[in-house]
Protein backbone atom coordinates (compact mmCIF):
# COMPACT_ATOMS: atom_id res chain seq x y z
CA MET A 1 -18.19 2.80 20.97
CA THR A 2 -15.13 1.23 22.56
CA PHE A 3 -11.79 2.96 22.16
CA CYS A 4 -8.66 0.87 22.73
CA ASN A 5 -5.37 2.71 23.12
CA TRP A 6 -3.33 -0.31 22.08
CA GLU A 7 -5.46 -0.86 19.00
CA ALA A 8 -5.17 2.82 18.12
CA LYS A 9 -1.38 2.66 18.39
CA ARG A 10 -1.33 -0.43 16.17
CA LEU A 11 -3.50 1.25 13.55
CA LEU A 12 -1.40 4.43 13.62
CA SER A 13 1.85 2.44 13.34
CA LEU A 14 0.48 0.90 10.15
CA ALA A 15 -1.11 4.13 8.91
CA LEU A 16 1.81 6.56 9.39
CA PRO A 17 4.14 5.04 6.76
CA VAL A 18 1.17 4.63 4.41
CA PHE A 19 0.26 8.28 4.98
CA LEU A 20 3.79 9.44 4.25
CA ALA A 21 3.86 7.31 1.10
CA GLN A 22 0.47 8.61 -0.04
CA VAL A 23 1.45 12.22 0.67
CA THR A 24 4.63 11.75 -1.31
CA LEU A 25 2.66 10.32 -4.23
CA ILE A 26 0.11 13.13 -4.16
CA LEU A 27 2.92 15.67 -3.86
CA MET A 28 3.92 14.59 -7.34
CA SER A 29 0.53 15.81 -8.54
CA VAL A 30 0.93 18.99 -6.50
CA VAL A 31 4.34 19.57 -8.07
CA ASP A 32 2.81 19.05 -11.52
CA THR A 33 0.07 21.56 -10.71
CA ILE A 34 2.47 24.18 -9.35
CA MET A 35 4.98 23.84 -12.18
CA ALA A 36 2.29 23.89 -14.88
CA GLY A 37 0.63 26.87 -13.18
CA GLN A 38 3.90 28.80 -13.30
CA VAL A 39 3.93 28.44 -17.09
CA SER A 40 0.45 29.88 -17.72
CA PRO A 41 -3.24 29.52 -16.74
CA THR A 42 -3.70 27.69 -20.06
CA ASP A 43 -1.17 25.01 -19.10
CA LEU A 44 -2.76 24.67 -15.66
CA ALA A 45 -6.25 24.37 -17.13
CA ALA A 46 -5.02 21.76 -19.63
CA LEU A 47 -3.41 19.73 -16.86
CA SER A 48 -6.64 19.92 -14.83
CA ILE A 49 -8.74 18.66 -17.73
CA ALA A 50 -6.24 15.94 -18.70
CA THR A 51 -5.98 14.58 -15.18
CA GLY A 52 -9.75 14.85 -14.89
CA ILE A 53 -9.98 12.32 -17.70
CA TRP A 54 -6.92 10.18 -17.02
CA ASN A 55 -6.82 9.84 -13.21
CA PRO A 56 -10.27 8.21 -12.91
CA ILE A 57 -9.22 5.65 -15.52
CA LEU A 58 -5.91 4.86 -13.84
CA LEU A 59 -7.27 4.75 -10.30
CA ALA A 60 -10.25 2.64 -11.30
CA ILE A 61 -7.91 0.07 -12.84
CA GLN A 62 -5.69 0.20 -9.77
CA GLY A 63 -8.76 -0.25 -7.56
CA ILE A 64 -9.22 -3.81 -8.79
CA LEU A 65 -5.75 -4.69 -7.51
CA LEU A 66 -6.39 -3.03 -4.13
CA ALA A 67 -8.50 -6.05 -3.16
CA LEU A 68 -5.18 -7.87 -2.86
CA THR A 69 -4.27 -6.03 0.37
CA GLY A 70 -7.18 -7.47 2.37
CA VAL A 71 -6.71 -10.93 0.86
CA ILE A 72 -2.99 -11.04 1.67
CA ALA A 73 -3.67 -9.64 5.16
CA GLN A 74 -6.03 -12.53 5.90
CA PHE A 75 -3.49 -15.10 4.67
CA ALA A 76 -0.77 -13.36 6.69
CA GLY A 77 -2.98 -13.48 9.79
CA ALA A 78 -3.49 -17.21 9.23
CA LYS A 79 0.27 -17.62 8.48
CA ASP A 80 -0.53 -19.18 5.10
CA ARG A 81 2.47 -18.52 2.79
CA ASN A 82 1.08 -20.78 0.08
CA GLY A 83 -2.07 -18.67 -0.11
CA ILE A 84 -0.01 -15.48 -0.36
CA SER A 85 2.15 -16.99 -3.12
CA HIS A 86 -0.83 -18.20 -5.14
CA TYR A 87 -2.71 -14.90 -5.07
CA PHE A 88 0.46 -12.89 -5.69
CA GLN A 89 1.25 -14.85 -8.83
CA GLN A 90 -2.28 -14.66 -10.18
CA ALA A 91 -2.38 -10.91 -9.49
CA LEU A 92 0.61 -10.51 -11.81
CA TYR A 93 -1.35 -12.12 -14.64
CA LEU A 94 -4.23 -9.78 -13.85
CA THR A 95 -1.81 -6.85 -14.01
CA LEU A 96 -0.99 -7.66 -17.63
CA LEU A 97 -4.67 -7.66 -18.57
CA LEU A 98 -5.34 -4.42 -16.72
CA SER A 99 -2.33 -2.73 -18.33
CA ILE A 100 -3.71 -3.52 -21.78
CA ALA A 101 -7.12 -2.19 -20.72
CA GLY A 102 -5.60 1.04 -19.39
CA PHE A 103 -3.51 1.63 -22.47
CA SER A 104 -6.55 1.06 -24.67
CA ALA A 105 -8.73 3.41 -22.61
CA ALA A 106 -6.18 6.18 -23.09
CA GLN A 107 -6.83 6.06 -26.83
CA LEU A 108 -10.35 7.33 -26.21
CA ALA A 109 -9.11 10.49 -24.51
CA ASN A 110 -8.88 12.51 -27.72
CA THR A 111 -12.55 11.86 -28.44
CA VAL A 112 -13.55 13.04 -24.98
CA ILE A 113 -11.38 16.16 -25.15
CA LEU A 114 -12.79 17.14 -28.53
CA GLN A 115 -16.29 17.17 -27.03
CA LEU A 116 -15.32 19.77 -24.44
CA ASP A 117 -16.20 23.44 -24.75
CA THR A 118 -12.67 24.75 -24.37
CA THR A 119 -9.94 26.45 -26.42
CA PRO A 120 -7.80 24.58 -28.99
CA ALA A 121 -4.66 25.41 -27.00
CA ILE A 122 -6.01 23.82 -23.81
CA ALA A 123 -7.37 20.81 -25.70
CA GLY A 124 -4.05 20.23 -27.49
CA LEU A 125 -2.00 20.28 -24.30
CA ALA A 126 -4.49 18.01 -22.53
CA PHE A 127 -4.34 15.44 -25.31
CA ASP A 128 -0.52 15.50 -25.37
CA TYR A 129 -0.40 14.91 -21.60
CA ILE A 130 -2.53 11.76 -21.84
CA HIS A 131 -0.58 10.53 -24.86
CA PHE A 132 2.62 10.71 -22.79
CA VAL A 133 1.38 9.50 -19.41
CA LYS A 134 -0.25 6.30 -20.73
CA TRP A 135 3.22 4.74 -21.12
CA GLY A 136 3.50 4.58 -17.33
CA VAL A 137 0.45 2.33 -16.81
CA PHE A 138 2.32 -0.96 -16.58
CA GLY A 139 4.91 0.39 -14.15
CA PHE A 140 2.23 1.89 -11.94
CA LEU A 141 0.27 -1.38 -11.73
CA ILE A 142 3.36 -3.51 -11.08
CA PHE A 143 4.30 -1.13 -8.27
CA THR A 144 0.74 -1.45 -6.93
CA VAL A 145 0.77 -5.27 -6.85
CA TYR A 146 4.12 -5.53 -5.09
CA ARG A 147 3.16 -2.76 -2.69
CA ASN A 148 -0.18 -4.39 -1.82
CA VAL A 149 1.50 -7.70 -1.08
CA THR A 150 4.10 -6.00 1.11
CA GLU A 151 1.51 -3.95 3.01
CA GLY A 152 -0.83 -6.92 3.37
CA MET A 153 2.01 -8.68 5.18
CA GLY A 154 2.16 -5.72 7.59
CA MET A 155 5.18 -3.92 6.11
CA THR A 156 4.06 -0.40 5.24
CA LYS A 157 7.38 1.49 5.38
CA PRO A 158 9.00 0.40 2.08
CA ALA A 159 6.38 2.13 -0.07
CA PHE A 160 7.19 5.42 1.67
CA TYR A 161 10.89 5.27 0.84
CA ILE A 162 10.15 4.28 -2.75
CA SER A 163 7.64 7.12 -3.05
CA LEU A 164 10.32 9.53 -1.85
CA LEU A 165 12.52 8.26 -4.65
CA GLY A 166 9.69 8.89 -7.09
CA LEU A 167 9.23 12.46 -5.88
CA ALA A 168 12.98 13.11 -6.11
CA VAL A 169 12.92 11.98 -9.73
CA ASN A 170 9.67 13.80 -10.55
CA ILE A 171 10.82 17.36 -9.83
CA PRO A 172 13.92 17.56 -12.08
CA VAL A 173 12.34 15.46 -14.85
CA ASN A 174 9.27 17.73 -14.80
CA TYR A 175 11.51 20.76 -15.18
CA ILE A 176 13.40 19.20 -18.07
CA PHE A 177 10.35 18.33 -20.14
CA ILE A 178 8.25 21.38 -19.29
CA ASN A 179 11.01 23.82 -20.21
CA GLY A 180 12.86 21.80 -22.85
CA LEU A 181 16.39 21.36 -21.49
CA PHE A 182 19.25 19.40 -23.07
CA GLY A 183 18.01 20.08 -26.57
CA LEU A 184 14.55 18.60 -25.92
CA PRO A 185 11.37 20.40 -27.01
CA ALA A 186 9.53 22.49 -24.39
CA PHE A 187 6.30 20.57 -23.87
CA GLY A 188 4.84 22.93 -21.25
CA GLY A 189 2.23 21.37 -18.98
CA ALA A 190 2.08 18.29 -21.22
CA GLY A 191 5.66 17.51 -20.18
CA CYS A 192 4.30 16.48 -16.78
CA GLY A 193 2.87 13.42 -18.51
CA ILE A 194 6.33 12.28 -19.64
CA ALA A 195 7.72 12.85 -16.15
CA THR A 196 4.89 10.90 -14.52
CA ALA A 197 5.37 7.89 -16.83
CA LEU A 198 9.11 7.83 -16.08
CA VAL A 199 8.51 8.15 -12.33
CA PHE A 200 6.07 5.22 -12.29
CA THR A 201 8.62 3.07 -14.10
CA VAL A 202 11.38 3.96 -11.64
CA MET A 203 9.12 3.24 -8.67
CA ALA A 204 8.11 -0.14 -10.09
CA ILE A 205 11.75 -1.16 -10.53
CA ALA A 206 12.56 -0.03 -6.98
CA GLN A 207 9.56 -1.84 -5.43
CA VAL A 208 10.29 -5.10 -7.26
CA THR A 209 13.96 -4.91 -6.32
CA TYR A 210 13.11 -4.39 -2.64
CA CYS A 211 10.69 -7.33 -2.57
CA GLN A 212 13.19 -9.60 -4.29
CA LEU A 213 15.93 -8.76 -1.78
CA SER A 214 13.79 -8.55 1.39
CA LYS A 215 13.93 -11.61 3.62
CA LYS A 216 10.57 -10.69 5.17
CA VAL A 217 8.72 -10.45 1.88
CA ASP A 218 10.83 -13.09 0.12
CA ALA A 219 9.36 -12.42 -3.32
CA LYS A 220 11.80 -14.96 -4.77
CA GLY A 221 10.20 -17.64 -2.62
CA LEU A 222 6.67 -16.44 -3.37
CA LEU A 223 7.38 -16.62 -7.11
CA THR A 224 9.09 -20.03 -7.01
CA GLY A 225 7.23 -22.63 -9.04
CA PHE A 226 5.34 -19.97 -10.98
CA GLU A 227 1.86 -21.23 -11.74
CA LYS A 228 -0.14 -21.07 -14.94
CA PRO A 229 -3.02 -18.59 -15.02
CA ASN A 230 -5.81 -19.71 -12.69
CA PHE A 231 -8.86 -17.92 -13.98
CA LYS A 232 -10.88 -18.87 -10.91
CA THR A 233 -8.47 -17.02 -8.62
CA ILE A 234 -8.11 -14.14 -11.06
CA GLY A 235 -11.92 -13.99 -11.07
CA ILE A 236 -12.01 -13.90 -7.25
CA ILE A 237 -9.56 -10.97 -7.13
CA THR A 238 -11.51 -9.21 -9.85
CA LYS A 239 -14.86 -9.83 -8.15
CA LEU A 240 -13.53 -8.42 -4.88
CA GLY A 241 -11.75 -5.58 -6.64
CA ILE A 242 -14.45 -4.31 -8.99
CA PRO A 243 -16.58 -2.77 -6.18
CA ILE A 244 -13.42 -1.07 -4.85
CA SER A 245 -12.57 0.04 -8.37
CA LEU A 246 -16.04 1.42 -8.99
CA ALA A 247 -16.06 3.22 -5.63
CA THR A 248 -12.69 4.76 -6.46
CA PHE A 249 -13.91 5.71 -9.92
CA PHE A 250 -17.12 7.25 -8.58
CA GLU A 251 -15.33 9.35 -5.97
CA VAL A 252 -12.44 10.42 -8.18
CA THR A 253 -14.76 11.40 -11.02
CA LEU A 254 -16.94 13.32 -8.60
CA PHE A 255 -13.98 15.67 -8.17
CA ALA A 256 -12.10 15.22 -11.42
CA CYS A 257 -15.06 15.65 -13.78
CA ILE A 258 -16.01 19.01 -12.32
CA PRO A 259 -13.45 20.82 -14.53
CA LEU A 260 -15.16 19.27 -17.55
CA PHE A 261 -18.49 20.81 -16.52
CA ILE A 262 -17.09 24.23 -15.71
CA ALA A 263 -14.66 24.45 -18.63
CA HIS A 264 -17.05 26.87 -20.37
CA LEU A 265 -16.53 29.35 -17.51
CA GLY A 266 -12.88 29.81 -18.48
CA ALA A 267 -9.40 29.23 -17.09
CA VAL A 268 -10.02 31.08 -13.79
CA ALA A 269 -12.93 28.85 -12.76
CA VAL A 270 -11.11 25.66 -13.75
CA SER A 271 -7.82 26.75 -12.13
CA GLY A 272 -9.52 27.81 -8.88
CA HIS A 273 -11.25 24.46 -8.61
CA GLN A 274 -8.03 22.61 -9.48
CA ILE A 275 -6.08 24.33 -6.70
CA ALA A 276 -8.75 23.50 -4.10
CA ALA A 277 -9.01 19.93 -5.37
CA SER A 278 -5.22 19.52 -5.28
CA VAL A 279 -4.98 20.74 -1.68
CA THR A 280 -7.91 18.67 -0.41
CA ALA A 281 -6.58 15.60 -2.23
CA LEU A 282 -3.33 16.00 -0.30
CA LEU A 283 -5.15 16.33 3.02
CA PHE A 284 -7.39 13.37 2.14
CA MET A 285 -4.31 11.15 2.33
CA MET A 286 -4.62 11.13 6.12
CA PRO A 287 -8.02 9.39 6.36
CA LEU A 288 -7.21 7.31 3.26
CA SER A 289 -4.02 6.03 4.89
CA LEU A 290 -5.95 5.14 8.00
CA SER A 291 -8.43 3.28 5.78
CA ILE A 292 -5.62 1.21 4.25
CA ALA A 293 -4.24 0.47 7.72
CA ILE A 294 -7.74 -0.52 8.85
CA SER A 295 -8.12 -2.99 5.99
CA ILE A 296 -4.77 -4.57 6.90
CA ARG A 297 -5.58 -4.80 10.60
CA ILE A 298 -9.12 -6.07 10.06
CA GLY A 299 -7.84 -8.62 7.54
CA ASN A 300 -5.22 -9.90 10.01
CA LEU A 301 -7.77 -10.25 12.82
CA PHE A 302 -10.27 -11.89 10.47
CA GLY A 303 -7.63 -14.43 9.41
CA GLN A 304 -6.90 -15.15 13.07
CA ASN A 305 -10.63 -15.54 13.92
CA HIS A 306 -10.35 -12.93 16.70
CA LEU A 307 -13.95 -11.66 16.61
CA ASP A 308 -13.92 -9.72 19.91
CA GLN A 309 -10.74 -7.84 19.06
CA LEU A 310 -12.12 -7.27 15.57
CA LYS A 311 -15.09 -5.38 16.99
CA VAL A 312 -12.78 -3.26 19.17
CA ALA A 313 -10.65 -2.45 16.12
CA VAL A 314 -13.75 -1.32 14.21
CA SER A 315 -14.95 1.13 16.88
CA THR A 316 -11.42 2.43 17.44
CA SER A 317 -11.13 3.00 13.69
CA TYR A 318 -14.20 5.21 13.59
CA ILE A 319 -13.03 7.34 16.51
CA LEU A 320 -9.57 7.82 15.02
CA ALA A 321 -11.14 8.78 11.69
CA ALA A 322 -13.27 11.44 13.37
CA ILE A 323 -10.26 12.91 15.20
CA ILE A 324 -8.26 13.08 11.97
CA ALA A 325 -11.19 14.72 10.17
CA LEU A 326 -11.46 17.52 12.70
CA PHE A 327 -7.72 18.13 12.48
CA ILE A 328 -7.84 18.32 8.68
CA ALA A 329 -10.77 20.74 8.76
CA PHE A 330 -8.85 23.01 11.13
CA ILE A 331 -5.69 22.97 8.98
CA THR A 332 -7.67 23.62 5.82
CA PHE A 333 -9.54 26.59 7.28
CA ILE A 334 -6.61 28.47 8.80
CA GLY A 335 -4.18 27.80 5.96
CA ARG A 336 -6.41 28.20 2.90
CA ASP A 337 -5.10 31.63 1.81
CA VAL A 338 -1.40 30.91 2.29
CA ILE A 339 -1.62 27.52 0.58
CA SER A 340 -3.48 28.94 -2.42
CA GLU A 341 -0.69 31.45 -3.01
CA LEU A 342 1.73 28.57 -3.69
CA TYR A 343 -0.20 27.70 -6.83
CA SER A 344 -0.94 31.00 -8.51
CA ASP A 345 -0.51 34.76 -8.32
CA SER A 346 -3.85 35.56 -9.95
CA PRO A 347 -6.13 37.34 -7.43
CA ALA A 348 -9.27 35.96 -9.06
CA VAL A 349 -7.98 32.36 -8.96
CA LEU A 350 -6.80 32.72 -5.36
CA ALA A 351 -10.14 34.13 -4.17
CA LEU A 352 -12.08 31.30 -5.78
CA ALA A 353 -9.77 28.58 -4.47
CA SER A 354 -9.88 29.97 -0.92
CA SER A 355 -13.68 30.13 -0.85
CA ILE A 356 -13.98 26.55 -2.14
CA MET A 357 -11.63 25.29 0.57
CA ILE A 358 -14.01 26.62 3.22
CA LEU A 359 -16.64 24.25 1.82
CA ALA A 360 -14.06 21.45 1.85
CA CYS A 361 -13.77 21.84 5.63
CA ILE A 362 -17.40 20.82 6.03
CA TYR A 363 -17.19 17.41 4.39
CA GLN A 364 -14.07 16.19 6.22
CA LEU A 365 -15.97 14.28 8.93
CA PRO A 366 -18.33 12.30 6.67
CA ASP A 367 -15.50 11.67 4.22
CA ALA A 368 -13.23 10.25 6.92
CA LEU A 369 -15.99 8.03 8.30
CA GLN A 370 -16.95 6.68 4.90
CA VAL A 371 -13.37 5.72 3.97
CA ALA A 372 -12.93 4.10 7.40
CA ALA A 373 -16.03 1.99 6.79
CA ASN A 374 -14.70 1.23 3.32
CA GLY A 375 -11.46 -0.06 4.86
CA ILE A 376 -13.35 -2.26 7.30
CA LEU A 377 -15.39 -3.84 4.50
CA ARG A 378 -12.26 -4.43 2.42
CA GLY A 379 -10.57 -6.14 5.34
CA LEU A 380 -13.61 -8.40 5.73
CA LYS A 381 -13.63 -9.11 1.96
CA HIS A 382 -17.23 -7.86 1.95
CA THR A 383 -16.81 -5.39 -0.88
CA ALA A 384 -19.98 -5.84 -2.97
CA PRO A 385 -22.08 -3.12 -1.24
CA ILE A 386 -19.33 -0.52 -1.67
CA SER A 387 -19.96 0.01 -5.38
CA TYR A 388 -23.69 0.63 -5.37
CA ILE A 389 -23.60 2.72 -2.20
CA THR A 390 -20.93 5.01 -3.60
CA PHE A 391 -22.69 5.28 -6.96
CA ILE A 392 -25.97 6.29 -5.35
CA SER A 393 -24.29 8.68 -2.91
CA TYR A 394 -21.71 10.31 -5.15
CA TRP A 395 -23.53 10.48 -8.46
CA LEU A 396 -27.27 10.09 -8.11
CA ILE A 397 -27.30 12.38 -5.08
CA GLY A 398 -24.04 14.35 -4.88
CA PHE A 399 -23.30 15.09 -8.52
CA SER A 400 -26.94 15.58 -9.49
CA LEU A 401 -27.44 18.12 -6.73
CA GLY A 402 -24.11 19.75 -7.57
CA TYR A 403 -25.05 20.09 -11.24
CA VAL A 404 -28.40 21.68 -10.38
CA LEU A 405 -26.74 24.15 -8.01
CA ALA A 406 -23.77 24.90 -10.28
CA ARG A 407 -25.33 25.23 -13.71
CA THR A 408 -29.06 25.90 -13.29
CA ASP A 409 -31.34 28.35 -11.51
CA LEU A 410 -33.81 25.69 -10.32
CA ILE A 411 -33.03 26.11 -6.60
CA VAL A 412 -30.77 29.18 -6.41
CA PRO A 413 -29.01 31.27 -9.06
CA ALA A 414 -26.27 29.20 -10.71
CA MET A 415 -23.36 28.96 -8.25
CA GLY A 416 -20.58 27.77 -10.55
CA PRO A 417 -17.88 25.57 -8.94
CA HIS A 418 -19.29 26.15 -5.43
CA GLY A 419 -22.48 24.31 -6.36
CA PHE A 420 -20.58 21.13 -7.18
CA TRP A 421 -18.73 21.26 -3.87
CA ILE A 422 -21.99 21.55 -1.95
CA GLY A 423 -23.16 18.47 -3.83
CA ILE A 424 -19.97 16.71 -2.72
CA ILE A 425 -20.76 17.48 0.93
CA VAL A 426 -24.21 15.94 0.66
CA GLY A 427 -23.01 12.91 -1.33
CA LEU A 428 -20.19 12.03 1.06
CA SER A 429 -22.52 12.38 4.06
CA VAL A 430 -24.98 9.90 2.55
CA ALA A 431 -22.12 7.50 1.73
CA ALA A 432 -20.82 7.64 5.32
CA VAL A 433 -24.21 6.74 6.79
CA LEU A 434 -24.89 3.88 4.36
CA LEU A 435 -21.41 2.32 4.59
CA MET A 436 -21.41 2.42 8.39
CA LEU A 437 -24.84 0.77 8.42
CA THR A 438 -23.45 -1.92 6.11
CA VAL A 439 -20.59 -2.64 8.53
CA HIS A 440 -23.09 -2.83 11.40
CA ARG A 441 -25.30 -5.30 9.51
CA ARG A 442 -22.26 -7.41 8.56
CA PHE A 443 -21.45 -7.95 12.22
CA LYS A 444 -25.04 -8.97 12.91
CA ARG A 445 -24.78 -11.90 10.52
CA GLU A 446 -24.15 -15.29 12.07
CA PRO A 447 -21.91 -17.20 11.94
CA PHE A 448 -19.64 -14.22 11.31
CA ILE A 449 -16.14 -15.64 11.03
CA LEU A 450 -17.14 -18.71 9.06
CA SER A 451 -19.32 -16.90 6.50
């Protein structure tokens, strides 16, 4: 593989602001977890189950809109403002449809929660959380569209500053609704849902305001002469976005559904998994941010028809991803005990979380490589293989193996949460191999740029 220092610097310059923005966003979830955990293990378990149901729904819906980044990057590379304007406007129509879908999906949460083998107290708090957080769907998706357009045009810093604003709002609002200040009821862990909905709304307003005032983005110009819905274009965005959405859904549910399958083991098992999942989700923002930067860079080069430089960018992306993975594994291993203590003071919960994080170190390399390949395919607008590869890898292989190891004695005595994490390691490794092979085959097709 060829490693280009200049290309690496370009990728990192795009990735760093994205990383900071993603970390800030995930810190909101970390804050929710910490503040709910300080109330009681019941509140923490309820939050874990609620987010296990809600986050896959929200992120799957958002995944459809993520196709916009690669599309806008290609138009930006070709210096086609009309193309950017057209797709931006049609994405806003799509946002309305997706908001309705997300709000409707939230209504099914109660049915799912009632099927779980957990206590009435946990189930009640989990349902309340989803009932509150669903009101933030529209704001979250509007923020996503405007952010994707901005980042596709190569401006990745604004989302970081807006995410900081969101975090600044999240902490005090969380405290207010969890503890019931200013005469409000104390909602406990469910209050995090109200805070999250308010934060998403604030971030949407801030992102729209920035894009309207920015001369570089010039959202006013992009929205001039607003078009009627073009269902062909909306269909193109959706077609490109569904594989990304499904891949996001498959990976998120691989982690988020684990609490649903270990709920019968009690609050300690669920809380220990939730702490490990929260920490690894935060660390995952590094390779994920690089993946977003890769899709922007690849999209720009694709739009410019720079095939040779495109190949250099691909190989450089893989090497950077591997370096980041090794760094994350090192940080996770040496800091697992100290980090766990931020979430809970229960010795049993801390011991479980720490042991799970050791397993998390192992999958960092394949995980980083698979999201890098994912970013390359998004930048090329070759997203179709992503969905079936991730489904096979994450669910047919990873989750199935994890279930057998965690809840049965078919291979070894039932391992509980650890079994699912071993399944994750295997599933992500398979995904990395298959996605990288897909990228390799895509470059073998001729003619490449014109296809």
